[in-house]
Amino acid sequence: MSEGLNRERWERIVAEPFVPANISGTTTLHVSAEYRVAAALEYIAGQLGEINMKLSKLVGKENTR
């Protein structure tokens, strides 16, 4: 997958509300659990990135470490 497509996918994931039951193409509970954890972690990382960018604007770059 190209970098542009990855970025578009990432932006779409972060922009939408997280849906933990959104599992497609998985067949076993073990795979489903792994997929759900990975999807949740990606969503959390995206949200934290958004929060970080917004806080950086409020605090100012000179005050960040």
N, C-alpha and C. Protein backbone atom coordinates (compact mmCIF):
# COMPACT_ATOMS: atom_id res chain seq x y z
N MET A 1 0.85 -1.17 0.00
CA MET A 1 0.00 0.00 0.00
C MET A 1 0.90 1.24 0.00
N SER A 2 0.57 2.21 -0.83
CA SER A 2 1.40 3.41 -0.91
C SER A 2 1.22 4.30 0.32
N GLU A 3 2.16 5.21 0.50
CA GLU A 3 2.11 6.09 1.65
C GLU A 3 0.86 6.97 1.63
N GLY A 4 0.48 7.43 0.45
CA GLY A 4 -0.73 8.25 0.33
C GLY A 4 -1.98 7.50 0.73
N LEU A 5 -2.09 6.25 0.30
CA LEU A 5 -3.26 5.43 0.64
C LEU A 5 -3.27 5.13 2.13
N ASN A 6 -2.09 4.86 2.70
CA ASN A 6 -2.02 4.62 4.14
C ASN A 6 -2.48 5.84 4.92
N ARG A 7 -2.05 7.02 4.48
CA ARG A 7 -2.43 8.26 5.16
C ARG A 7 -3.93 8.49 5.07
N GLU A 8 -4.52 8.26 3.89
CA GLU A 8 -5.97 8.42 3.73
C GLU A 8 -6.72 7.45 4.63
N ARG A 9 -6.26 6.20 4.69
CA ARG A 9 -6.90 5.19 5.55
C ARG A 9 -6.81 5.62 7.01
N TRP A 10 -5.63 6.09 7.42
CA TRP A 10 -5.41 6.52 8.80
C TRP A 10 -6.33 7.68 9.15
N GLU A 11 -6.42 8.67 8.26
CA GLU A 11 -7.27 9.83 8.51
C GLU A 11 -8.74 9.43 8.60
N ARG A 12 -9.16 8.48 7.79
CA ARG A 12 -10.54 7.99 7.82
C ARG A 12 -10.82 7.27 9.14
N ILE A 13 -9.87 6.45 9.59
CA ILE A 13 -10.03 5.72 10.85
C ILE A 13 -10.18 6.69 12.01
N VAL A 14 -9.32 7.69 12.05
CA VAL A 14 -9.30 8.64 13.16
C VAL A 14 -10.54 9.53 13.16
N ALA A 15 -11.04 9.85 11.97
CA ALA A 15 -12.17 10.77 11.86
C ALA A 15 -13.50 10.12 12.27
N GLU A 16 -13.59 8.82 12.16
CA GLU A 16 -14.85 8.13 12.45
C GLU A 16 -14.88 7.66 13.91
N PRO A 17 -16.05 7.56 14.48
CA PRO A 17 -16.15 7.01 15.84
C PRO A 17 -15.69 5.55 15.85
N PHE A 18 -15.06 5.17 16.93
CA PHE A 18 -14.57 3.79 17.04
C PHE A 18 -15.74 2.83 17.23
N VAL A 19 -15.74 1.76 16.46
CA VAL A 19 -16.76 0.73 16.56
C VAL A 19 -16.06 -0.60 16.85
N PRO A 20 -16.05 -1.05 18.11
CA PRO A 20 -15.29 -2.25 18.45
C PRO A 20 -15.80 -3.53 17.79
N ALA A 21 -17.05 -3.59 17.40
CA ALA A 21 -17.58 -4.80 16.78
C ALA A 21 -17.41 -4.81 15.28
N ASN A 22 -16.71 -3.85 14.72
CA ASN A 22 -16.53 -3.76 13.28
C ASN A 22 -15.43 -4.71 12.82
N ILE A 23 -15.77 -5.99 12.73
CA ILE A 23 -14.81 -7.01 12.36
C ILE A 23 -15.30 -7.67 11.07
N SER A 24 -14.48 -7.59 10.03
CA SER A 24 -14.87 -8.23 8.78
C SER A 24 -13.79 -9.21 8.35
N GLY A 25 -14.20 -10.36 7.89
CA GLY A 25 -13.26 -11.34 7.37
C GLY A 25 -12.55 -12.18 8.41
N THR A 26 -12.93 -12.08 9.67
CA THR A 26 -12.29 -12.91 10.69
C THR A 26 -13.21 -14.08 11.01
N THR A 27 -12.59 -15.19 11.40
CA THR A 27 -13.40 -16.39 11.60
C THR A 27 -13.35 -16.96 13.01
N THR A 28 -12.25 -16.75 13.72
CA THR A 28 -12.15 -17.34 15.06
C THR A 28 -12.13 -16.25 16.11
N LEU A 29 -12.43 -16.61 17.33
CA LEU A 29 -12.41 -15.65 18.42
C LEU A 29 -11.02 -15.09 18.65
N HIS A 30 -10.01 -15.96 18.52
CA HIS A 30 -8.63 -15.53 18.74
C HIS A 30 -8.24 -14.44 17.74
N VAL A 31 -8.53 -14.66 16.48
CA VAL A 31 -8.22 -13.67 15.44
C VAL A 31 -9.06 -12.42 15.66
N SER A 32 -10.30 -12.59 16.00
CA SER A 32 -11.17 -11.44 16.24
C SER A 32 -10.64 -10.58 17.37
N ALA A 33 -10.20 -11.20 18.45
CA ALA A 33 -9.67 -10.45 19.59
C ALA A 33 -8.42 -9.68 19.19
N GLU A 34 -7.53 -10.32 18.45
CA GLU A 34 -6.31 -9.64 18.00
C GLU A 34 -6.64 -8.47 17.09
N TYR A 35 -7.57 -8.68 16.19
CA TYR A 35 -7.97 -7.61 15.28
C TYR A 35 -8.60 -6.46 16.04
N ARG A 36 -9.44 -6.79 16.98
CA ARG A 36 -10.10 -5.73 17.76
C ARG A 36 -9.10 -4.93 18.58
N VAL A 37 -8.13 -5.59 19.18
CA VAL A 37 -7.12 -4.89 19.96
C VAL A 37 -6.29 -3.99 19.04
N ALA A 38 -5.89 -4.51 17.89
CA ALA A 38 -5.09 -3.71 16.96
C ALA A 38 -5.88 -2.50 16.48
N ALA A 39 -7.15 -2.69 16.15
CA ALA A 39 -7.98 -1.58 15.69
C ALA A 39 -8.17 -0.54 16.79
N ALA A 40 -8.36 -1.00 18.01
CA ALA A 40 -8.53 -0.07 19.14
C ALA A 40 -7.25 0.71 19.39
N LEU A 41 -6.11 0.05 19.31
CA LEU A 41 -4.83 0.75 19.52
C LEU A 41 -4.56 1.77 18.42
N GLU A 42 -4.90 1.44 17.18
CA GLU A 42 -4.74 2.41 16.09
C GLU A 42 -5.63 3.62 16.33
N TYR A 43 -6.85 3.39 16.75
CA TYR A 43 -7.77 4.49 17.00
C TYR A 43 -7.26 5.36 18.16
N ILE A 44 -6.82 4.72 19.22
CA ILE A 44 -6.30 5.47 20.38
C ILE A 44 -5.08 6.29 19.97
N ALA A 45 -4.17 5.70 19.21
CA ALA A 45 -2.99 6.42 18.76
C ALA A 45 -3.37 7.63 17.93
N GLY A 46 -4.33 7.47 17.06
CA GLY A 46 -4.79 8.59 16.25
C GLY A 46 -5.39 9.70 17.08
N GLN A 47 -6.21 9.33 18.04
CA GLN A 47 -6.83 10.33 18.91
C GLN A 47 -5.79 11.05 19.75
N LEU A 48 -4.82 10.32 20.28
CA LEU A 48 -3.76 10.96 21.05
C LEU A 48 -2.93 11.91 20.19
N GLY A 49 -2.71 11.53 18.95
CA GLY A 49 -2.00 12.41 18.02
C GLY A 49 -2.75 13.71 17.79
N GLU A 50 -4.07 13.60 17.61
CA GLU A 50 -4.90 14.79 17.43
C GLU A 50 -4.85 15.68 18.67
N ILE A 51 -4.96 15.08 19.84
CA ILE A 51 -4.90 15.83 21.10
C ILE A 51 -3.54 16.52 21.23
N ASN A 52 -2.49 15.79 20.90
CA ASN A 52 -1.14 16.35 20.99
C ASN A 52 -0.98 17.56 20.07
N MET A 53 -1.47 17.47 18.84
CA MET A 53 -1.36 18.60 17.92
C MET A 53 -2.12 19.81 18.44
N LYS A 54 -3.32 19.59 18.97
CA LYS A 54 -4.12 20.70 19.47
C LYS A 54 -3.50 21.33 20.71
N LEU A 55 -2.97 20.51 21.61
CA LEU A 55 -2.31 21.04 22.80
C LEU A 55 -1.03 21.79 22.45
N SER A 56 -0.31 21.31 21.45
CA SER A 56 0.91 21.99 21.02
C SER A 56 0.60 23.39 20.52
N LYS A 57 -0.53 23.54 19.84
CA LYS A 57 -0.93 24.87 19.36
C LYS A 57 -1.29 25.78 20.52
N LEU A 58 -1.92 25.22 21.56
CA LEU A 58 -2.31 26.03 22.71
C LEU A 58 -1.10 26.43 23.55
N VAL A 59 -0.20 25.49 23.78
CA VAL A 59 0.95 25.73 24.64
C VAL A 59 2.02 26.51 23.90
N GLY A 60 2.19 26.23 22.65
CA GLY A 60 3.25 26.86 21.87
C GLY A 60 4.46 25.96 21.80
N LYS A 61 5.11 25.98 20.68
CA LYS A 61 6.25 25.06 20.46
C LYS A 61 7.42 25.36 21.38
N GLU A 62 7.61 26.60 21.80
CA GLU A 62 8.75 26.92 22.65
C GLU A 62 8.63 26.32 24.04
N ASN A 63 7.41 25.93 24.46
CA ASN A 63 7.22 25.37 25.80
C ASN A 63 7.18 23.84 25.80
N THR A 64 7.25 23.20 24.63
CA THR A 64 7.20 21.74 24.59
C THR A 64 8.59 21.18 24.67
N ARG A 65 8.69 19.94 25.12
CA ARG A 65 10.00 19.28 25.26
C ARG A 65 10.24 18.36 24.13
